[in-house]
Amino acid sequence: MTACSRADSGGSAATSSAPVQGTPATELRLGYFPNVTHAAALVGVDKGLFAKELGDTKLTTQTFNAGPEAVNALLGSSLDATFIGSGPAINAYAKSKGEAIRVISGATSGGAQFVVKPEINSAADLKGKVITTPQLGNTQDVALKKWLSDQKLTVGTGPDQVNVTNTENAQALDLFKKGDVAGAWVPEPWSSRLVLDAGAKVLLDEKTLWDGGKFPTTVLIVRTEFLRDHPQTVEALLKGLVASTDYATGNKADAKKVVNESLKKLTGKALGDPVLDRAFEGIELTVDPLAKTFPQLAKDAVTAGVSKEAADVKGIADFTLLNKVLSAAGKPSVDAAGLDKK
């Protein structure tokens, strides 16, 4: 496999655009996934770091398997903010014609791999095979289909095509063990579980496709209306996220324990230590959403056949409150790469 860079270069610093009026919300409905790539959310909820900053605002949480279903909840106004993959975040922005959501922070870089049966050694070996991703149009689904296109392979059920299906992560593990699928492009901890628990091997680590191995696996988005009406609440959420990220990176052993206990609570099964360690090695917790990659991600959705045209991502970013929180904590600001202006 030859690695290639997909990240755009350069970008301008974020400028102030968030509202300064509004009132604290009585409730914040927050979504996240039971994945290691959502470690900052899992730690923030379990350690009470979000609740502490939110004060009198009630925190209500809901978990999802993949981004598209979280987007539906957000666009249906049954959710106020959610940790989500970059692909569905862009799709939500485009679907609402740039009105419904804003990306307000990053959460995780890295932590997604294409793992396959041991006998598969090249792209050509995928012909006629069944490969699965978490959900149609989710971040990993787009990444797989874009990569297949780059390898001159088409998606379909023919003998020279690759049959791409969509399966919940836990079911994908079972299907792989049974031999019903030959591989999966999945986030952590599922790639590690497939490798260590089911005998898969890594055909491709998505890091190799990006400059410096950095790409936004998980970001934090909020309903634009909620951001406008309750900036204090959003700022409190971001304070909690920064605290959670600092805690997880400064207390890795305890963070792993917290994440594993949360996963057991949410999925009914804890991870073995080797799986947990491998999963954490593959991710970087960071509030930088790596905004400069978003234009390329929008183009990838077209190449993957998920979108008819590349979404215009100008205006998708609003890091005013995040950079305010970071500045107060003596931390460097994050770059909006010009995406804070329409």
C-alpha atoms as a PDB file:
ATOM      1  CA  MET A   1       0.000   0.000   0.000  1.00  0.00           C
ATOM      2  CA  THR A   2       1.406   3.399  -0.912  1.00  0.00           C
ATOM      3  CA  ALA A   3       0.487   6.207   1.451  1.00  0.00           C
ATOM      4  CA  CYS A   4      -0.668   9.531   0.107  1.00  0.00           C
ATOM      5  CA  SER A   5      -1.428  12.864   1.695  1.00  0.00           C
ATOM      6  CA  ARG A   6      -5.027  14.099   1.580  1.00  0.00           C
ATOM      7  CA  ALA A   7      -4.800  17.182   3.805  1.00  0.00           C
ATOM      8  CA  ASP A   8      -5.072  20.709   2.469  1.00  0.00           C
ATOM      9  CA  SER A   9      -2.432  23.108   3.644  1.00  0.00           C
ATOM     10  CA  GLY A  10      -2.521  26.435   5.336  1.00  0.00           C
ATOM     11  CA  GLY A  11      -5.447  28.320   6.838  1.00  0.00           C
ATOM     12  CA  SER A  12      -6.255  31.461   8.726  1.00  0.00           C
ATOM     13  CA  ALA A  13      -6.818  31.821  12.435  1.00  0.00           C
ATOM     14  CA  ALA A  14     -10.293  31.793  13.902  1.00  0.00           C
ATOM     15  CA  THR A  15     -12.059  35.068  14.387  1.00  0.00           C
ATOM     16  CA  SER A  16     -14.812  35.977  16.814  1.00  0.00           C
ATOM     17  CA  SER A  17     -18.309  35.145  15.629  1.00  0.00           C
ATOM     18  CA  ALA A  18     -20.080  33.422  18.537  1.00  0.00           C
ATOM     19  CA  PRO A  19     -22.936  35.164  20.323  1.00  0.00           C
ATOM     20  CA  VAL A  20     -22.268  36.931  23.586  1.00  0.00           C
ATOM     21  CA  GLN A  21     -25.866  37.254  24.775  1.00  0.00           C
ATOM     22  CA  GLY A  22     -28.324  34.527  25.730  1.00  0.00           C
ATOM     23  CA  THR A  23     -29.047  32.660  28.945  1.00  0.00           C
ATOM     24  CA  PRO A  24     -27.851  29.356  30.448  1.00  0.00           C
ATOM     25  CA  ALA A  25     -29.958  26.398  29.332  1.00  0.00           C
ATOM     26  CA  THR A  26     -31.976  24.429  31.846  1.00  0.00           C
ATOM     27  CA  GLU A  27     -30.864  21.211  30.111  1.00  0.00           C
ATOM     28  CA  LEU A  28     -28.105  20.104  27.744  1.00  0.00           C
ATOM     29  CA  ARG A  29     -28.812  16.926  25.759  1.00  0.00           C
ATOM     30  CA  LEU A  30     -25.449  15.467  24.756  1.00  0.00           C
ATOM     31  CA  GLY A  31     -24.716  12.547  22.432  1.00  0.00           C
ATOM     32  CA  TYR A  32     -21.647  10.329  22.115  1.00  0.00           C
ATOM     33  CA  PHE A  33     -20.663   6.790  21.074  1.00  0.00           C
ATOM     34  CA  PRO A  34     -19.434   3.816  23.147  1.00  0.00           C
ATOM     35  CA  ASN A  35     -16.076   3.865  21.336  1.00  0.00           C
ATOM     36  CA  VAL A  36     -12.526   4.521  22.502  1.00  0.00           C
ATOM     37  CA  THR A  37     -12.438   7.324  19.921  1.00  0.00           C
ATOM     38  CA  HIS A  38     -14.998   9.047  22.181  1.00  0.00           C
ATOM     39  CA  ALA A  39     -12.780   8.671  25.253  1.00  0.00           C
ATOM     40  CA  ALA A  40     -12.955  12.370  26.134  1.00  0.00           C
ATOM     41  CA  ALA A  41     -16.754  12.184  26.251  1.00  0.00           C
ATOM     42  CA  LEU A  42     -16.735   8.962  28.274  1.00  0.00           C
ATOM     43  CA  VAL A  43     -14.281  10.415  30.787  1.00  0.00           C
ATOM     44  CA  GLY A  44     -16.091  13.757  30.974  1.00  0.00           C
ATOM     45  CA  VAL A  45     -19.410  12.092  31.727  1.00  0.00           C
ATOM     46  CA  ASP A  46     -18.087   9.482  34.170  1.00  0.00           C
ATOM     47  CA  LYS A  47     -15.830  11.836  36.142  1.00  0.00           C
ATOM     48  CA  GLY A  48     -18.541  14.497  36.321  1.00  0.00           C
ATOM     49  CA  LEU A  49     -16.347  17.037  34.545  1.00  0.00           C
ATOM     50  CA  PHE A  50     -19.122  18.201  32.221  1.00  0.00           C
ATOM     51  CA  ALA A  51     -21.692  18.320  35.027  1.00  0.00           C
ATOM     52  CA  LYS A  52     -19.318  20.306  37.236  1.00  0.00           C
ATOM     53  CA  GLU A  53     -18.907  23.049  34.642  1.00  0.00           C
ATOM     54  CA  LEU A  54     -22.584  23.026  33.646  1.00  0.00           C
ATOM     55  CA  GLY A  55     -23.663  23.802  37.201  1.00  0.00           C
ATOM     56  CA  ASP A  56     -27.455  24.156  37.386  1.00  0.00           C
ATOM     57  CA  THR A  57     -27.890  23.015  33.772  1.00  0.00           C
ATOM     58  CA  LYS A  58     -29.051  19.402  33.736  1.00  0.00           C
ATOM     59  CA  LEU A  59     -26.894  17.078  31.626  1.00  0.00           C
ATOM     60  CA  THR A  60     -28.814  14.377  29.744  1.00  0.00           C
ATOM     61  CA  THR A  61     -26.828  11.908  27.635  1.00  0.00           C
ATOM     62  CA  GLN A  62     -27.652   9.550  24.794  1.00  0.00           C
ATOM     63  CA  THR A  63     -25.388   7.089  22.958  1.00  0.00           C
ATOM     64  CA  PHE A  64     -25.333   6.162  19.272  1.00  0.00           C
ATOM     65  CA  ASN A  65     -23.672   3.522  17.095  1.00  0.00           C
ATOM     66  CA  ALA A  66     -22.609   5.903  14.318  1.00  0.00           C
ATOM     67  CA  GLY A  67     -22.844   9.475  13.083  1.00  0.00           C
ATOM     68  CA  PRO A  68     -25.859   9.489  10.758  1.00  0.00           C
ATOM     69  CA  GLU A  69     -28.297   8.483  13.526  1.00  0.00           C
ATOM     70  CA  ALA A  70     -26.829  11.149  15.822  1.00  0.00           C
ATOM     71  CA  VAL A  71     -27.277  13.705  13.019  1.00  0.00           C
ATOM     72  CA  ASN A  72     -30.934  12.741  12.689  1.00  0.00           C
ATOM     73  CA  ALA A  73     -31.424  13.333  16.411  1.00  0.00           C
ATOM     74  CA  LEU A  74     -29.679  16.694  16.207  1.00  0.00           C
ATOM     75  CA  LEU A  75     -31.569  17.869  13.131  1.00  0.00           C
ATOM     76  CA  GLY A  76     -34.784  16.662  14.764  1.00  0.00           C
ATOM     77  CA  SER A  77     -33.989  18.886  17.772  1.00  0.00           C
ATOM     78  CA  SER A  78     -34.006  15.949  20.199  1.00  0.00           C
ATOM     79  CA  LEU A  79     -30.293  16.549  20.820  1.00  0.00           C
ATOM     80  CA  ASP A  80     -28.382  19.776  21.497  1.00  0.00           C
ATOM     81  CA  ALA A  81     -24.778  18.720  20.981  1.00  0.00           C
ATOM     82  CA  THR A  82     -22.962  15.540  20.086  1.00  0.00           C
ATOM     83  CA  PHE A  83     -19.529  14.032  19.679  1.00  0.00           C
ATOM     84  CA  ILE A  84     -19.479  12.697  16.136  1.00  0.00           C
ATOM     85  CA  GLY A  85     -17.316  11.765  13.183  1.00  0.00           C
ATOM     86  CA  SER A  86     -16.143  14.527  10.879  1.00  0.00           C
ATOM     87  CA  GLY A  87     -17.984  13.055   7.876  1.00  0.00           C
ATOM     88  CA  PRO A  88     -21.489  13.146   9.366  1.00  0.00           C
ATOM     89  CA  ALA A  89     -20.724  16.596  10.819  1.00  0.00           C
ATOM     90  CA  ILE A  90     -20.036  17.899   7.330  1.00  0.00           C
ATOM     91  CA  ASN A  91     -23.120  16.121   5.995  1.00  0.00           C
ATOM     92  CA  ALA A  92     -25.322  17.681   8.678  1.00  0.00           C
ATOM     93  CA  TYR A  93     -23.995  21.115   7.785  1.00  0.00           C
ATOM     94  CA  ALA A  94     -24.580  20.557   4.070  1.00  0.00           C
ATOM     95  CA  LYS A  95     -27.980  18.930   4.546  1.00  0.00           C
ATOM     96  CA  SER A  96     -29.220  21.971   6.455  1.00  0.00           C
ATOM     97  CA  LYS A  97     -27.666  24.379   3.908  1.00  0.00           C
ATOM     98  CA  GLY A  98     -25.191  25.590   6.499  1.00  0.00           C
ATOM     99  CA  GLU A  99     -27.806  26.503   9.061  1.00  0.00           C
ATOM    100  CA  ALA A 100     -28.338  23.730  11.610  1.00  0.00           C
ATOM    101  CA  ILE A 101     -24.962  22.957  13.200  1.00  0.00           C
ATOM    102  CA  ARG A 102     -21.512  24.281  13.992  1.00  0.00           C
ATOM    103  CA  VAL A 103     -18.325  22.378  14.764  1.00  0.00           C
ATOM    104  CA  ILE A 104     -17.130  23.880  18.040  1.00  0.00           C
ATOM    105  CA  SER A 105     -14.233  21.596  18.989  1.00  0.00           C
ATOM    106  CA  GLY A 106     -12.252  18.522  18.179  1.00  0.00           C
ATOM    107  CA  ALA A 107     -12.020  15.470  20.421  1.00  0.00           C
ATOM    108  CA  THR A 108      -9.898  12.745  18.803  1.00  0.00           C
ATOM    109  CA  SER A 109      -7.416  12.346  15.986  1.00  0.00           C
ATOM    110  CA  GLY A 110      -6.659   8.907  14.545  1.00  0.00           C
ATOM    111  CA  GLY A 111      -7.973   5.560  15.690  1.00  0.00           C
ATOM    112  CA  ALA A 112      -9.470   3.969  12.565  1.00  0.00           C
ATOM    113  CA  GLN A 113      -8.114   1.001  10.609  1.00  0.00           C
ATOM    114  CA  PHE A 114      -9.032  -1.264   7.726  1.00  0.00           C
ATOM    115  CA  VAL A 115      -8.633  -4.789   9.086  1.00  0.00           C
ATOM    116  CA  VAL A 116      -9.079  -7.958   7.035  1.00  0.00           C
ATOM    117  CA  LYS A 117      -8.727 -11.739   6.925  1.00  0.00           C
ATOM    118  CA  PRO A 118      -5.058 -12.854   7.040  1.00  0.00           C
ATOM    119  CA  GLU A 119      -5.139 -14.147   3.454  1.00  0.00           C
ATOM    120  CA  ILE A 120      -5.932 -10.686   2.060  1.00  0.00           C
ATOM    121  CA  ASN A 121      -2.688  -8.941   1.133  1.00  0.00           C
ATOM    122  CA  SER A 122      -3.651  -6.278  -1.410  1.00  0.00           C
ATOM    123  CA  ALA A 123      -6.518  -4.260  -2.797  1.00  0.00           C
ATOM    124  CA  ALA A 124      -6.899  -6.764  -5.624  1.00  0.00           C
ATOM    125  CA  ASP A 125      -7.600  -9.505  -3.069  1.00  0.00           C
ATOM    126  CA  LEU A 126     -10.760  -7.635  -2.028  1.00  0.00           C
ATOM    127  CA  LYS A 127     -12.576  -8.416  -5.274  1.00  0.00           C
ATOM    128  CA  GLY A 128     -15.706 -10.439  -4.581  1.00  0.00           C
ATOM    129  CA  LYS A 129     -15.320  -9.982  -0.815  1.00  0.00           C
ATOM    130  CA  VAL A 130     -17.774  -8.524   1.701  1.00  0.00           C
ATOM    131  CA  ILE A 131     -16.419  -5.601   3.743  1.00  0.00           C
ATOM    132  CA  THR A 132     -18.381  -3.772   6.419  1.00  0.00           C
ATOM    133  CA  THR A 133     -18.459  -0.289   7.968  1.00  0.00           C
ATOM    134  CA  PRO A 134     -20.498   1.026  10.939  1.00  0.00           C
ATOM    135  CA  GLN A 135     -23.204   2.856   8.974  1.00  0.00           C
ATOM    136  CA  LEU A 136     -23.934   4.138   5.484  1.00  0.00           C
ATOM    137  CA  GLY A 137     -22.334   7.561   5.099  1.00  0.00           C
ATOM    138  CA  ASN A 138     -20.478   7.501   8.404  1.00  0.00           C
ATOM    139  CA  THR A 139     -16.831   8.602   8.620  1.00  0.00           C
ATOM    140  CA  GLN A 140     -15.376   5.117   8.114  1.00  0.00           C
ATOM    141  CA  ASP A 141     -17.850   4.291   5.332  1.00  0.00           C
ATOM    142  CA  VAL A 142     -16.710   7.344   3.376  1.00  0.00           C
ATOM    143  CA  ALA A 143     -13.040   6.583   4.063  1.00  0.00           C
ATOM    144  CA  LEU A 144     -13.360   2.989   2.809  1.00  0.00           C
ATOM    145  CA  LYS A 145     -15.258   3.883  -0.356  1.00  0.00           C
ATOM    146  CA  LYS A 146     -12.904   6.742  -1.159  1.00  0.00           C
ATOM    147  CA  TRP A 147      -9.910   4.446  -0.740  1.00  0.00           C
ATOM    148  CA  LEU A 148     -11.510   1.743  -2.885  1.00  0.00           C
ATOM    149  CA  SER A 149     -12.068   4.352  -5.602  1.00  0.00           C
ATOM    150  CA  ASP A 150      -8.396   5.329  -5.384  1.00  0.00           C
ATOM    151  CA  GLN A 151      -7.519   1.652  -5.878  1.00  0.00           C
ATOM    152  CA  LYS A 152      -9.717   1.564  -9.029  1.00  0.00           C
ATOM    153  CA  LEU A 153     -12.195  -0.768  -7.348  1.00  0.00           C
ATOM    154  CA  THR A 154     -15.965  -0.346  -7.538  1.00  0.00           C
ATOM    155  CA  VAL A 155     -18.573  -1.105  -4.897  1.00  0.00           C
ATOM    156  CA  GLY A 156     -21.079  -3.800  -5.839  1.00  0.00           C
ATOM    157  CA  THR A 157     -21.863  -7.493  -5.753  1.00  0.00           C
ATOM    158  CA  GLY A 158     -20.032  -8.559  -8.914  1.00  0.00           C
ATOM    159  CA  PRO A 159     -16.970 -10.865  -8.856  1.00  0.00           C
ATOM    160  CA  ASP A 160     -14.642  -7.940  -9.620  1.00  0.00           C
ATOM    161  CA  GLN A 161     -16.339  -5.581  -7.174  1.00  0.00           C
ATOM    162  CA  VAL A 162     -16.212  -5.095  -3.408  1.00  0.00           C
ATOM    163  CA  ASN A 163     -19.473  -5.678  -1.556  1.00  0.00           C
ATOM    164  CA  VAL A 164     -19.675  -2.993   1.149  1.00  0.00           C
ATOM    165  CA  THR A 165     -22.274  -3.549   3.858  1.00  0.00           C
ATOM    166  CA  ASN A 166     -23.121  -1.564   6.990  1.00  0.00           C
ATOM    167  CA  THR A 167     -23.242  -3.269  10.368  1.00  0.00           C
ATOM    168  CA  GLU A 168     -23.193  -2.187  13.990  1.00  0.00           C
ATOM    169  CA  ASN A 169     -19.674  -2.614  15.356  1.00  0.00           C
ATOM    170  CA  ALA A 170     -20.448  -5.444  17.769  1.00  0.00           C
ATOM    171  CA  GLN A 171     -22.271  -7.379  15.042  1.00  0.00           C
ATOM    172  CA  ALA A 172     -19.378  -6.795  12.631  1.00  0.00           C
ATOM    173  CA  LEU A 173     -17.073  -8.602  15.067  1.00  0.00           C
ATOM    174  CA  ASP A 174     -19.418 -11.590  15.172  1.00  0.00           C
ATOM    175  CA  LEU A 175     -19.802 -11.634  11.382  1.00  0.00           C
ATOM    176  CA  PHE A 176     -16.030 -11.567  10.943  1.00  0.00           C
ATOM    177  CA  LYS A 177     -15.588 -14.486  13.337  1.00  0.00           C
ATOM    178  CA  LYS A 178     -18.217 -16.462  11.415  1.00  0.00           C
ATOM    179  CA  GLY A 179     -16.525 -15.683   8.102  1.00  0.00           C
ATOM    180  CA  ASP A 180     -19.516 -13.742   6.776  1.00  0.00           C
ATOM    181  CA  VAL A 181     -17.392 -10.632   6.168  1.00  0.00           C
ATOM    182  CA  ALA A 182     -13.761 -10.515   5.091  1.00  0.00           C
ATOM    183  CA  GLY A 183     -12.904  -7.197   6.667  1.00  0.00           C
ATOM    184  CA  ALA A 184     -14.058  -3.972   8.274  1.00  0.00           C
ATOM    185  CA  TRP A 185     -13.045  -0.314   8.307  1.00  0.00           C
ATOM    186  CA  VAL A 186     -13.837   0.584  11.898  1.00  0.00           C
ATOM    187  CA  PRO A 187     -12.879   2.919  14.757  1.00  0.00           C
ATOM    188  CA  GLU A 188     -11.264   1.882  18.030  1.00  0.00           C
ATOM    189  CA  PRO A 189     -11.713  -0.295  19.990  1.00  0.00           C
ATOM    190  CA  TRP A 190     -13.286  -2.379  17.227  1.00  0.00           C
ATOM    191  CA  SER A 191     -10.235  -2.575  14.990  1.00  0.00           C
ATOM    192  CA  SER A 192      -8.206  -3.763  17.983  1.00  0.00           C
ATOM    193  CA  ARG A 193     -10.894  -6.282  18.928  1.00  0.00           C
ATOM    194  CA  LEU A 194     -10.944  -7.656  15.391  1.00  0.00           C
ATOM    195  CA  VAL A 195      -7.148  -7.986  15.389  1.00  0.00           C
ATOM    196  CA  LEU A 196      -6.634  -9.386  18.894  1.00  0.00           C
ATOM    197  CA  ASP A 197      -9.903 -11.235  19.475  1.00  0.00           C
ATOM    198  CA  ALA A 198     -10.743 -12.425  15.966  1.00  0.00           C
ATOM    199  CA  GLY A 199      -7.404 -12.835  14.199  1.00  0.00           C
ATOM    200  CA  ALA A 200      -7.717 -10.009  11.673  1.00  0.00           C
ATOM    201  CA  LYS A 201      -4.716  -8.143  10.341  1.00  0.00           C
ATOM    202  CA  VAL A 202      -4.302  -4.475   9.471  1.00  0.00           C
ATOM    203  CA  LEU A 203      -4.402  -3.875   5.729  1.00  0.00           C
ATOM    204  CA  LEU A 204      -4.349  -0.112   6.184  1.00  0.00           C
ATOM    205  CA  ASP A 205      -4.157   2.348   9.070  1.00  0.00           C
ATOM    206  CA  GLU A 206      -6.026   5.492   8.053  1.00  0.00           C
ATOM    207  CA  LYS A 207      -3.235   7.589   9.580  1.00  0.00           C
ATOM    208  CA  THR A 208      -1.068   6.773   6.573  1.00  0.00           C
ATOM    209  CA  LEU A 209      -3.453   8.727   4.334  1.00  0.00           C
ATOM    210  CA  TRP A 210      -3.019  12.044   6.116  1.00  0.00           C
ATOM    211  CA  ASP A 211      -0.207  14.550   6.630  1.00  0.00           C
ATOM    212  CA  GLY A 212       1.482  13.838   9.944  1.00  0.00           C
ATOM    213  CA  GLY A 213      -0.918  10.960  10.537  1.00  0.00           C
ATOM    214  CA  LYS A 214      -3.541  13.371  11.857  1.00  0.00           C
ATOM    215  CA  PHE A 215      -7.210  13.359  10.871  1.00  0.00           C
ATOM    216  CA  PRO A 216     -10.368  14.218  12.823  1.00  0.00           C
ATOM    217  CA  THR A 217     -12.018  10.987  13.911  1.00  0.00           C
ATOM    218  CA  THR A 218     -14.259  12.705  16.459  1.00  0.00           C
ATOM    219  CA  VAL A 219     -15.405  16.325  16.723  1.00  0.00           C
ATOM    220  CA  LEU A 220     -17.991  18.121  18.839  1.00  0.00           C
ATOM    221  CA  ILE A 221     -20.925  19.796  17.115  1.00  0.00           C
ATOM    222  CA  VAL A 222     -23.813  21.831  18.493  1.00  0.00           C
ATOM    223  CA  ARG A 223     -27.131  23.027  17.121  1.00  0.00           C
ATOM    224  CA  THR A 224     -26.638  26.580  15.861  1.00  0.00           C
ATOM    225  CA  GLU A 225     -29.828  27.696  17.586  1.00  0.00           C
ATOM    226  CA  PHE A 226     -28.619  26.297  20.909  1.00  0.00           C
ATOM    227  CA  LEU A 227     -25.250  28.024  20.471  1.00  0.00           C
ATOM    228  CA  ARG A 228     -26.984  31.317  19.772  1.00  0.00           C
ATOM    229  CA  ASP A 229     -29.442  31.061  22.663  1.00  0.00           C
ATOM    230  CA  HIS A 230     -27.166  29.510  25.291  1.00  0.00           C
ATOM    231  CA  PRO A 231     -23.515  30.469  24.692  1.00  0.00           C
ATOM    232  CA  GLN A 232     -22.780  30.242  28.439  1.00  0.00           C
ATOM    233  CA  THR A 233     -23.879  26.617  28.448  1.00  0.00           C
ATOM    234  CA  VAL A 234     -21.791  25.790  25.371  1.00  0.00           C
ATOM    235  CA  GLU A 235     -18.785  27.475  26.958  1.00  0.00           C
ATOM    236  CA  ALA A 236     -19.303  25.376  30.096  1.00  0.00           C
ATOM    237  CA  LEU A 237     -19.463  22.218  27.975  1.00  0.00           C
ATOM    238  CA  LEU A 238     -16.177  23.182  26.322  1.00  0.00           C
ATOM    239  CA  LYS A 239     -14.570  23.835  29.707  1.00  0.00           C
ATOM    240  CA  GLY A 240     -15.623  20.330  30.672  1.00  0.00           C
ATOM    241  CA  LEU A 241     -14.172  18.907  27.453  1.00  0.00           C
ATOM    242  CA  VAL A 242     -10.827  20.634  27.962  1.00  0.00           C
ATOM    243  CA  ALA A 243     -10.772  19.344  31.559  1.00  0.00           C
ATOM    244  CA  SER A 244     -11.659  15.840  30.386  1.00  0.00           C
ATOM    245  CA  THR A 245      -8.959  15.869  27.701  1.00  0.00           C
ATOM    246  CA  ASP A 246      -6.368  17.120  30.193  1.00  0.00           C
ATOM    247  CA  TYR A 247      -7.385  14.464  32.706  1.00  0.00           C
ATOM    248  CA  ALA A 248      -7.280  11.630  30.177  1.00  0.00           C
ATOM    249  CA  THR A 249      -3.883  12.611  28.785  1.00  0.00           C
ATOM    250  CA  GLY A 250      -2.407  13.235  32.249  1.00  0.00           C
ATOM    251  CA  ASN A 251      -3.864  10.136  33.907  1.00  0.00           C
ATOM    252  CA  LYS A 252      -3.782   7.509  31.160  1.00  0.00           C
ATOM    253  CA  ALA A 253      -4.067   4.469  33.415  1.00  0.00           C
ATOM    254  CA  ASP A 254      -7.156   5.778  35.159  1.00  0.00           C
ATOM    255  CA  ALA A 255      -8.609   7.082  31.897  1.00  0.00           C
ATOM    256  CA  LYS A 256      -8.346   3.598  30.396  1.00  0.00           C
ATOM    257  CA  LYS A 257     -10.111   2.191  33.464  1.00  0.00           C
ATOM    258  CA  VAL A 258     -12.876   4.789  33.244  1.00  0.00           C
ATOM    259  CA  VAL A 259     -13.374   4.194  29.530  1.00  0.00           C
ATOM    260  CA  ASN A 260     -13.465   0.430  29.981  1.00  0.00           C
ATOM    261  CA  GLU A 261     -16.000   0.637  32.792  1.00  0.00           C
ATOM    262  CA  SER A 262     -18.128   2.968  30.670  1.00  0.00           C
ATOM    263  CA  LEU A 263     -17.969   0.615  27.702  1.00  0.00           C
ATOM    264  CA  LYS A 264     -19.018  -2.293  29.919  1.00  0.00           C
ATOM    265  CA  LYS A 265     -21.939  -0.262  31.219  1.00  0.00           C
ATOM    266  CA  LEU A 266     -23.022   0.846  27.738  1.00  0.00           C
ATOM    267  CA  THR A 267     -22.344  -2.328  25.726  1.00  0.00           C
ATOM    268  CA  GLY A 268     -22.431  -5.053  28.367  1.00  0.00           C
ATOM    269  CA  LYS A 269     -18.823  -6.088  27.739  1.00  0.00           C
ATOM    270  CA  ALA A 270     -15.487  -4.742  28.951  1.00  0.00           C
ATOM    271  CA  LEU A 271     -12.329  -4.859  26.849  1.00  0.00           C
ATOM    272  CA  GLY A 272      -9.342  -7.042  27.623  1.00  0.00           C
ATOM    273  CA  ASP A 273      -6.220  -5.126  28.653  1.00  0.00           C
ATOM    274  CA  PRO A 274      -4.325  -5.872  25.401  1.00  0.00           C
ATOM    275  CA  VAL A 275      -7.242  -4.550  23.327  1.00  0.00           C
ATOM    276  CA  LEU A 276      -7.609  -1.478  25.528  1.00  0.00           C
ATOM    277  CA  ASP A 277      -3.882  -0.707  25.371  1.00  0.00           C
ATOM    278  CA  ARG A 278      -3.747  -1.134  21.590  1.00  0.00           C
ATOM    279  CA  ALA A 279      -6.830   1.026  21.089  1.00  0.00           C
ATOM    280  CA  PHE A 280      -5.403   3.881  23.156  1.00  0.00           C
ATOM    281  CA  GLU A 281      -2.093   3.712  21.309  1.00  0.00           C
ATOM    282  CA  GLY A 282      -3.922   4.469  18.070  1.00  0.00           C
ATOM    283  CA  ILE A 283      -5.632   7.689  19.156  1.00  0.00           C
ATOM    284  CA  GLU A 284      -4.685  11.219  20.145  1.00  0.00           C
ATOM    285  CA  LEU A 285      -7.110  13.132  22.336  1.00  0.00           C
ATOM    286  CA  THR A 286      -7.114  16.735  21.179  1.00  0.00           C
ATOM    287  CA  VAL A 287      -9.584  19.619  21.102  1.00  0.00           C
ATOM    288  CA  ASP A 288      -8.090  20.709  17.763  1.00  0.00           C
ATOM    289  CA  PRO A 289     -10.634  19.588  15.113  1.00  0.00           C
ATOM    290  CA  LEU A 290      -7.994  19.855  12.381  1.00  0.00           C
ATOM    291  CA  ALA A 291     -10.219  22.154  10.367  1.00  0.00           C
ATOM    292  CA  LYS A 292      -7.832  22.294   7.405  1.00  0.00           C
ATOM    293  CA  THR A 293      -8.796  18.694   6.558  1.00  0.00           C
ATOM    294  CA  PHE A 294     -12.510  19.461   6.167  1.00  0.00           C
ATOM    295  CA  PRO A 295     -12.459  20.596   2.509  1.00  0.00           C
ATOM    296  CA  GLN A 296     -10.725  17.345   1.565  1.00  0.00           C
ATOM    297  CA  LEU A 297     -13.178  15.310   3.648  1.00  0.00           C
ATOM    298  CA  ALA A 298     -16.033  16.986   1.764  1.00  0.00           C
ATOM    299  CA  LYS A 299     -14.436  16.026  -1.557  1.00  0.00           C
ATOM    300  CA  ASP A 300     -13.894  12.458  -0.329  1.00  0.00           C
ATOM    301  CA  ALA A 301     -17.643  12.034   0.231  1.00  0.00           C
ATOM    302  CA  VAL A 302     -18.159  12.705  -3.488  1.00  0.00           C
ATOM    303  CA  THR A 303     -15.398  10.306  -4.536  1.00  0.00           C
ATOM    304  CA  ALA A 304     -16.963   7.716  -2.233  1.00  0.00           C
ATOM    305  CA  GLY A 305     -20.323   8.171  -3.917  1.00  0.00           C
ATOM    306  CA  VAL A 306     -21.956   9.268  -0.665  1.00  0.00           C
ATOM    307  CA  SER A 307     -22.570  12.861  -1.824  1.00  0.00           C
ATOM    308  CA  LYS A 308     -23.351  14.209  -5.287  1.00  0.00           C
ATOM    309  CA  GLU A 309     -21.227  17.308  -4.804  1.00  0.00           C
ATOM    310  CA  ALA A 310     -18.626  18.473  -2.320  1.00  0.00           C
ATOM    311  CA  ALA A 311     -20.183  20.349   0.570  1.00  0.00           C
ATOM    312  CA  ASP A 312     -19.161  23.979   0.958  1.00  0.00           C
ATOM    313  CA  VAL A 313     -17.733  23.863   4.480  1.00  0.00           C
ATOM    314  CA  LYS A 314     -17.150  27.594   4.820  1.00  0.00           C
ATOM    315  CA  GLY A 315     -18.925  28.721   7.969  1.00  0.00           C
ATOM    316  CA  ILE A 316     -19.004  25.268   9.571  1.00  0.00           C
ATOM    317  CA  ALA A 317     -16.502  26.205  12.290  1.00  0.00           C
ATOM    318  CA  ASP A 318     -17.062  28.402  15.304  1.00  0.00           C
ATOM    319  CA  PHE A 319     -14.144  28.151  17.706  1.00  0.00           C
ATOM    320  CA  THR A 320     -14.724  31.495  19.434  1.00  0.00           C
ATOM    321  CA  LEU A 321     -15.813  29.941  22.723  1.00  0.00           C
ATOM    322  CA  LEU A 322     -13.246  27.131  22.535  1.00  0.00           C
ATOM    323  CA  ASN A 323     -10.412  29.593  22.008  1.00  0.00           C
ATOM    324  CA  LYS A 324     -11.773  31.711  24.862  1.00  0.00           C
ATOM    325  CA  VAL A 325     -11.602  28.661  27.145  1.00  0.00           C
ATOM    326  CA  LEU A 326      -8.151  27.717  25.881  1.00  0.00           C
ATOM    327  CA  SER A 327      -6.851  31.247  26.337  1.00  0.00           C
ATOM    328  CA  ALA A 328      -8.125  31.359  29.914  1.00  0.00           C
ATOM    329  CA  ALA A 329      -6.306  28.075  30.571  1.00  0.00           C
ATOM    330  CA  GLY A 330      -3.076  29.381  29.069  1.00  0.00           C
ATOM    331  CA  LYS A 331      -3.291  27.032  26.088  1.00  0.00           C
ATOM    332  CA  PRO A 332      -2.749  27.811  22.397  1.00  0.00           C
ATOM    333  CA  SER A 333      -5.802  28.537  20.256  1.00  0.00           C
ATOM    334  CA  VAL A 334      -6.981  26.269  17.453  1.00  0.00           C
ATOM    335  CA  ASP A 335      -7.052  27.283  13.806  1.00  0.00           C
ATOM    336  CA  ALA A 336     -10.339  27.501  11.903  1.00  0.00           C
ATOM    337  CA  ALA A 337      -8.453  27.419   8.574  1.00  0.00           C
ATOM    338  CA  GLY A 338     -10.826  30.077   7.264  1.00  0.00           C
ATOM    339  CA  LEU A 339     -13.896  27.914   7.826  1.00  0.00           C
ATOM    340  CA  ASP A 340     -15.349  30.326  10.374  1.00  0.00           C
ATOM    341  CA  LYS A 341     -16.415  32.650   7.537  1.00  0.00           C
ATOM    342  CA  LYS A 342     -19.018  31.966   4.865  1.00  0.00           C
END
